[in-house]
Amino acid sequence: MTHTEKAKELFGKRFHCSQAVFAAFAEELGLSEEQALKIGACFGSGMKKGEVCGACTGALMAIGLKYGQCVEGDFKSCLKTDGLTEKFLDEFKEENGSYLCKELLGYDLGTAEGTAAAIERNLFTEFCPQMVESATKIAENILDL
C-alpha cells in the first residue's frame, strides 16, 4: 500500500487529516501507527481553528521526525528542517492555493457557523481527501521514502 493510499484509507475511517498523513509514514520513521495517530490527534481542521491545514501539519510532523534537530547545537539539522518546512509549504501552496485551512475550505472552522457550513457542503468528505493526497505526495518526495 502506498503512503497516499494509507493516508486516504485512514482519513476515510474518520481520523483527522493530520493523523492520516502522519500515520502513513510513522512505521518507516520509527513510530507505531497508534503513536502517530495519538500525536496527530489535536491538529486536524487547522487545530480546530482553520489555521494551517492538518494534512500539512501531519506531513511536517513526519518531516520533523526524519530530519529534525534532536542534539543540542546541531544547527545543521535545524537549518535543514527549516528549509524542508518552507519547501513543503511552498509546494503545497503552489499546488492548492494556500496551506491555511480556512482559505482552502472558504470557511472559518474556528466558528460553529463555519464548521457547520463546511459539513453541509461535504467539504470534509469531498474536498479534504484531495488535501490529504496532496500533502502525502509532497511529503513523500521530501522524505525520499
Protein backbone atom coordinates (compact mmCIF):
# COMPACT_ATOMS: atom_id res chain seq x y z
CA MET A 1 0.00 0.00 0.00
CA THR A 2 1.39 3.43 -0.90
CA HIS A 3 1.65 6.24 1.60
CA THR A 4 -1.13 8.06 -0.23
CA GLU A 5 -3.40 5.02 -0.17
CA LYS A 6 -2.70 4.56 3.55
CA ALA A 7 -3.41 8.21 4.34
CA LYS A 8 -6.63 8.21 2.35
CA GLU A 9 -7.71 4.94 3.99
CA LEU A 10 -7.15 6.36 7.47
CA PHE A 11 -8.91 9.60 6.58
CA GLY A 12 -11.79 7.55 5.21
CA LYS A 13 -12.00 5.83 8.61
CA ARG A 14 -12.68 9.28 10.07
CA PHE A 15 -9.26 10.03 11.52
CA HIS A 16 -8.27 13.68 11.23
CA CYS A 17 -6.27 14.75 8.19
CA SER A 18 -3.23 15.36 10.41
CA GLN A 19 -3.45 11.86 11.85
CA ALA A 20 -3.92 10.22 8.46
CA VAL A 21 -0.91 11.85 6.82
CA PHE A 22 1.44 11.45 9.79
CA ALA A 23 0.45 7.83 10.41
CA ALA A 24 1.01 6.94 6.74
CA PHE A 25 4.75 7.45 7.33
CA ALA A 26 5.05 6.54 11.01
CA GLU A 27 6.28 2.98 10.96
CA GLU A 28 9.05 3.71 8.43
CA LEU A 29 10.16 6.54 10.70
CA GLY A 30 10.22 4.50 13.91
CA LEU A 31 6.79 5.15 15.43
CA SER A 32 3.85 2.83 15.64
CA GLU A 33 0.69 3.76 13.80
CA GLU A 34 -1.05 4.08 17.18
CA GLN A 35 1.57 6.55 18.45
CA ALA A 36 1.29 8.63 15.29
CA LEU A 37 -2.50 8.68 15.49
CA LYS A 38 -2.30 9.90 19.08
CA ILE A 39 0.34 12.55 18.36
CA GLY A 40 -1.59 13.85 15.35
CA ALA A 41 -4.96 13.89 17.11
CA CYS A 42 -5.05 17.60 18.02
CA PHE A 43 -4.05 19.07 14.67
CA GLY A 44 -7.00 18.35 12.36
CA SER A 45 -9.01 21.18 10.80
CA GLY A 46 -6.14 23.58 11.33
CA MET A 47 -6.02 22.78 15.05
CA LYS A 48 -9.82 23.12 15.04
CA LYS A 49 -9.37 26.83 14.26
CA GLY A 50 -8.91 26.78 10.49
CA GLU A 51 -5.23 27.63 10.70
CA VAL A 52 -2.51 25.55 8.96
CA CYS A 53 -4.22 22.62 7.20
CA GLY A 54 -4.00 19.48 9.30
CA ALA A 55 -2.79 17.47 6.31
CA CYS A 56 0.18 19.85 6.14
CA THR A 57 0.76 19.57 9.86
CA GLY A 58 0.81 15.78 9.64
CA ALA A 59 3.31 15.94 6.79
CA LEU A 60 5.51 18.38 8.69
CA MET A 61 5.48 16.08 11.72
CA ALA A 62 6.79 13.27 9.51
CA ILE A 63 9.47 15.54 8.03
CA GLY A 64 10.48 16.64 11.52
CA LEU A 65 10.60 13.05 12.72
CA LYS A 66 13.04 12.14 9.96
CA TYR A 67 15.20 15.26 9.80
CA GLY A 68 14.52 17.32 12.93
CA GLN A 69 17.17 18.54 15.30
CA CYS A 70 17.47 16.35 18.38
CA VAL A 71 21.01 17.09 19.52
CA GLU A 72 21.91 20.33 21.24
CA GLY A 73 23.93 22.56 18.95
CA ASP A 74 23.12 20.59 15.79
CA PHE A 75 22.29 23.65 13.77
CA LYS A 76 22.83 21.79 10.51
CA SER A 77 19.75 19.65 11.23
CA CYS A 78 17.84 22.71 12.37
CA LEU A 79 18.59 24.58 9.16
CA LYS A 80 17.80 21.54 7.03
CA THR A 81 14.43 21.05 8.70
CA ASP A 82 13.61 24.76 8.41
CA GLY A 83 14.39 24.60 4.70
CA LEU A 84 12.31 21.47 4.19
CA THR A 85 9.40 23.05 6.07
CA GLU A 86 9.48 26.03 3.73
CA LYS A 87 9.83 23.75 0.70
CA PHE A 88 6.84 21.67 1.75
CA LEU A 89 4.61 24.67 2.48
CA ASP A 90 5.65 26.46 -0.72
CA GLU A 91 4.90 23.39 -2.84
CA PHE A 92 1.58 22.76 -1.11
CA LYS A 93 0.55 26.39 -1.57
CA GLU A 94 1.59 26.35 -5.21
CA GLU A 95 -0.45 23.21 -5.82
CA ASN A 96 -3.52 24.16 -3.75
CA GLY A 97 -3.55 27.95 -3.47
CA SER A 98 -2.94 28.10 0.27
CA TYR A 99 -1.91 25.99 3.24
CA LEU A 100 -4.41 27.65 5.58
CA CYS A 101 -7.45 25.52 6.24
CA LYS A 102 -9.91 28.44 6.31
CA GLU A 103 -8.63 29.68 2.95
CA LEU A 104 -8.67 26.21 1.39
CA LEU A 105 -12.20 25.48 2.58
CA GLY A 106 -13.54 29.01 2.31
CA TYR A 107 -14.99 28.80 5.82
CA ASP A 108 -13.63 29.70 9.25
CA LEU A 109 -13.54 26.47 11.20
CA GLY A 110 -12.83 28.50 14.32
CA THR A 111 -16.57 29.24 14.41
CA ALA A 112 -19.54 26.94 14.80
CA GLU A 113 -21.13 28.53 11.73
CA GLY A 114 -18.07 27.95 9.57
CA THR A 115 -17.77 24.35 10.65
CA ALA A 116 -21.48 23.75 10.05
CA ALA A 117 -21.23 25.26 6.55
CA ALA A 118 -18.22 23.08 5.70
CA ILE A 119 -20.09 20.00 6.90
CA GLU A 120 -23.24 20.99 5.00
CA ARG A 121 -21.21 21.34 1.80
CA ASN A 122 -19.49 17.98 2.35
CA LEU A 123 -16.06 19.60 2.27
CA PHE A 124 -14.57 17.18 4.80
CA THR A 125 -15.60 14.19 2.69
CA GLU A 126 -15.21 15.59 -0.82
CA PHE A 127 -12.53 18.30 -0.67
CA CYS A 128 -10.28 17.33 2.23
CA PRO A 129 -9.28 13.93 0.80
CA GLN A 130 -7.61 15.87 -2.03
CA MET A 131 -5.59 17.84 0.54
CA VAL A 132 -4.61 14.61 2.31
CA GLU A 133 -3.42 13.20 -1.02
CA SER A 134 -1.53 16.34 -1.97
CA ALA A 135 0.23 16.67 1.39
CA THR A 136 1.16 12.99 1.41
CA LYS A 137 2.65 13.07 -2.09
CA ILE A 138 4.68 16.21 -1.43
CA ALA A 139 5.95 14.83 1.89
CA GLU A 140 6.81 11.51 0.27
CA ASN A 141 9.07 13.29 -2.22
CA ILE A 142 10.77 15.28 0.54
CA LEU A 143 11.15 12.23 2.79
CA ASP A 144 12.54 10.19 -0.10
CA LEU A 145 10.74 7.05 1.05
